[in-house]
Every structure is written in C-alpha cells, then in structure tokens.
C-alpha cells in the first residue's frame, strides 16, 4: 500500500516538475510528511536522494530540443546548489523540527503571495 503512495508522489512530482519546475521541496517533502508520516528531516533527505539522478533528464532533453536550456547558467547554479545543499544540510542538524516546519510553511506562504501579486 505504501508503495502506491510513493508511486503517486513520484508521478505527481515528475509531472509538476516538467510543467512548473517544482517537485522536491514543494511536492515530495510535504507529501512524505503528511501522507506517509515521515519526519521533516527524513522527508528532506529522501527528497534530495530522489532528485539526484533522474530529476528532469527527460524534461531537460525536451526543453533542450526546444532551445530552452542555458547549460552555462545550469552548471553554475548546480555547482552552487551542491555547495549550498551541503551547507544547508549541515545547518539543518542544528534546527529543531518544529522550527523547520515553521520556516518551510512561511516560505511557501510568502512565495505564493508574492507570485499571486506579481502576476497581476
């Protein structure tokens, strides 16, 4: 049964990543927490493990075919994300789970409100 939830989470995050460029933090982490009962830290670690190899290989190829990939920018961002991911993961060990949930929720609310008003 739990495997069906994992399949749904993976499929949903893949579709939304391909359409909107979202997935890990916005789809996978909350889904693992609220549908499966993972802790915040376990959900984040699992999401990062998911994203390592496959995230967007097919999507990147499709966007590349349409001329919509800047590999130079992607390389620089990926390198900095590698460094930032390590710094963030090290830092997360010192932040309690309750605070992480508040920070994550506040980030999503802020981002959502900003995007709604910016779109008008």
Protein backbone atom coordinates (compact mmCIF):
# COMPACT_ATOMS: atom_id res chain seq x y z
CA UNK A 1 0.00 0.00 0.00
CA UNK A 2 2.74 2.47 0.93
CA UNK A 3 4.41 1.75 -2.41
CA UNK A 4 1.31 3.05 -4.17
CA UNK A 5 1.67 6.32 -2.27
CA UNK A 6 5.35 6.51 -3.26
CA UNK A 7 4.37 5.88 -6.90
CA UNK A 8 1.75 8.66 -6.74
CA UNK A 9 4.21 11.07 -5.10
CA UNK A 10 6.86 10.33 -7.73
CA UNK A 11 4.49 10.62 -10.66
CA UNK A 12 2.92 13.82 -9.34
CA UNK A 13 6.27 15.46 -8.64
CA UNK A 14 7.60 14.43 -12.05
CA UNK A 15 4.60 15.86 -13.88
CA UNK A 16 4.69 19.10 -11.89
CA UNK A 17 8.47 19.37 -12.32
CA UNK A 18 8.04 19.08 -16.07
CA UNK A 19 5.22 21.61 -16.20
CA UNK A 20 6.09 24.12 -13.47
CA UNK A 21 9.67 23.34 -12.49
CA UNK A 22 8.65 22.32 -8.96
CA UNK A 23 8.88 19.00 -7.21
CA UNK A 24 11.24 18.25 -4.37
CA UNK A 25 10.59 20.82 -1.71
CA UNK A 26 7.08 21.75 -2.68
CA UNK A 27 5.63 18.35 -3.61
CA UNK A 28 7.78 15.49 -2.33
CA UNK A 29 8.65 16.82 1.14
CA UNK A 30 5.09 17.70 2.22
CA UNK A 31 3.70 14.52 0.65
CA UNK A 32 6.17 12.33 2.53
CA UNK A 33 5.41 14.16 5.77
CA UNK A 34 1.62 14.22 5.58
CA UNK A 35 0.78 11.14 3.51
CA UNK A 36 3.43 8.76 4.81
CA UNK A 37 4.31 10.22 8.20
CA UNK A 38 7.99 10.92 7.59
CA UNK A 39 9.67 13.47 9.86
CA UNK A 40 10.65 16.78 8.23
CA UNK A 41 14.33 15.80 8.13
CA UNK A 42 13.64 12.29 6.79
CA UNK A 43 11.38 13.79 4.10
CA UNK A 44 14.04 16.32 3.08
CA UNK A 45 16.80 13.72 2.94
CA UNK A 46 14.64 11.32 0.95
CA UNK A 47 13.59 14.09 -1.45
CA UNK A 48 17.22 15.00 -2.06
CA UNK A 49 18.05 11.34 -2.72
CA UNK A 50 15.19 11.19 -5.24
CA UNK A 51 16.37 14.28 -7.07
CA UNK A 52 19.98 13.22 -7.55
CA UNK A 53 19.90 11.08 -10.67
CA UNK A 54 16.63 11.41 -12.54
CA UNK A 55 15.33 14.88 -11.88
CA UNK A 56 14.45 16.14 -15.20
CA UNK A 57 16.70 14.12 -17.51
CA UNK A 58 13.75 13.61 -19.83
CA UNK A 59 12.41 17.11 -19.13
CA UNK A 60 15.81 18.73 -19.74
CA UNK A 61 16.17 16.91 -23.05
CA UNK A 62 12.75 18.11 -24.14
CA UNK A 63 13.45 21.71 -23.12
CA UNK A 64 16.88 21.49 -24.81
CA UNK A 65 15.28 20.35 -28.06
CA UNK A 66 13.17 23.50 -27.94
CA UNK A 67 16.21 25.70 -27.28
CA UNK A 68 15.17 26.43 -23.71
CA UNK A 69 18.20 25.36 -21.68
CA UNK A 70 21.17 27.55 -20.77
CA UNK A 71 23.80 24.97 -19.81
CA UNK A 72 26.31 27.58 -18.64
CA UNK A 73 23.78 29.01 -16.17
CA UNK A 74 22.69 25.50 -15.19
CA UNK A 75 26.28 24.46 -14.45
CA UNK A 76 26.97 27.49 -12.26
CA UNK A 77 23.66 27.10 -10.40
CA UNK A 78 24.21 23.34 -9.97
CA UNK A 79 27.70 23.90 -8.58
CA UNK A 80 26.44 26.50 -6.14
CA UNK A 81 23.45 24.28 -5.26
CA UNK A 82 25.91 21.49 -4.46
CA UNK A 83 27.78 23.76 -2.07
CA UNK A 84 24.59 25.32 -0.71
CA UNK A 85 22.97 21.91 -0.26
CA UNK A 86 25.88 20.76 1.84
CA UNK A 87 25.80 23.96 3.94
CA UNK A 88 22.01 23.70 4.34
CA UNK A 89 22.11 20.02 5.29
CA UNK A 90 24.82 20.67 7.88
CA UNK A 91 22.82 23.61 9.26
CA UNK A 92 19.55 21.63 9.42
CA UNK A 93 21.04 19.33 12.05
CA UNK A 94 21.09 22.28 14.45
CA UNK A 95 17.49 23.41 13.80
CA UNK A 96 14.67 21.61 15.59
CA UNK A 97 11.91 20.02 13.51
CA UNK A 98 9.21 22.42 14.75
CA UNK A 99 11.24 25.44 13.59
CA UNK A 100 11.93 23.78 10.23
CA UNK A 101 8.20 23.29 9.68
CA UNK A 102 7.51 26.94 10.50
CA UNK A 103 10.28 28.16 8.20
CA UNK A 104 9.12 25.91 5.37
CA UNK A 105 5.47 26.95 5.72
CA UNK A 106 6.35 30.64 5.95
CA UNK A 107 8.49 30.35 2.83
CA UNK A 108 5.66 28.73 0.87
CA UNK A 109 3.12 31.33 2.03
CA UNK A 110 5.45 34.23 1.21
CA UNK A 111 6.30 32.77 -2.20
CA UNK A 112 2.66 32.10 -3.01
CA UNK A 113 1.52 35.61 -2.05
CA UNK A 114 4.40 37.18 -3.96
CA UNK A 115 3.66 35.18 -7.11
CA UNK A 116 -0.06 35.98 -7.00
CA UNK A 117 0.53 39.74 -6.69
CA UNK A 118 3.42 39.76 -9.17
CA UNK A 119 1.25 38.04 -11.78
CA UNK A 120 -1.35 40.85 -11.72
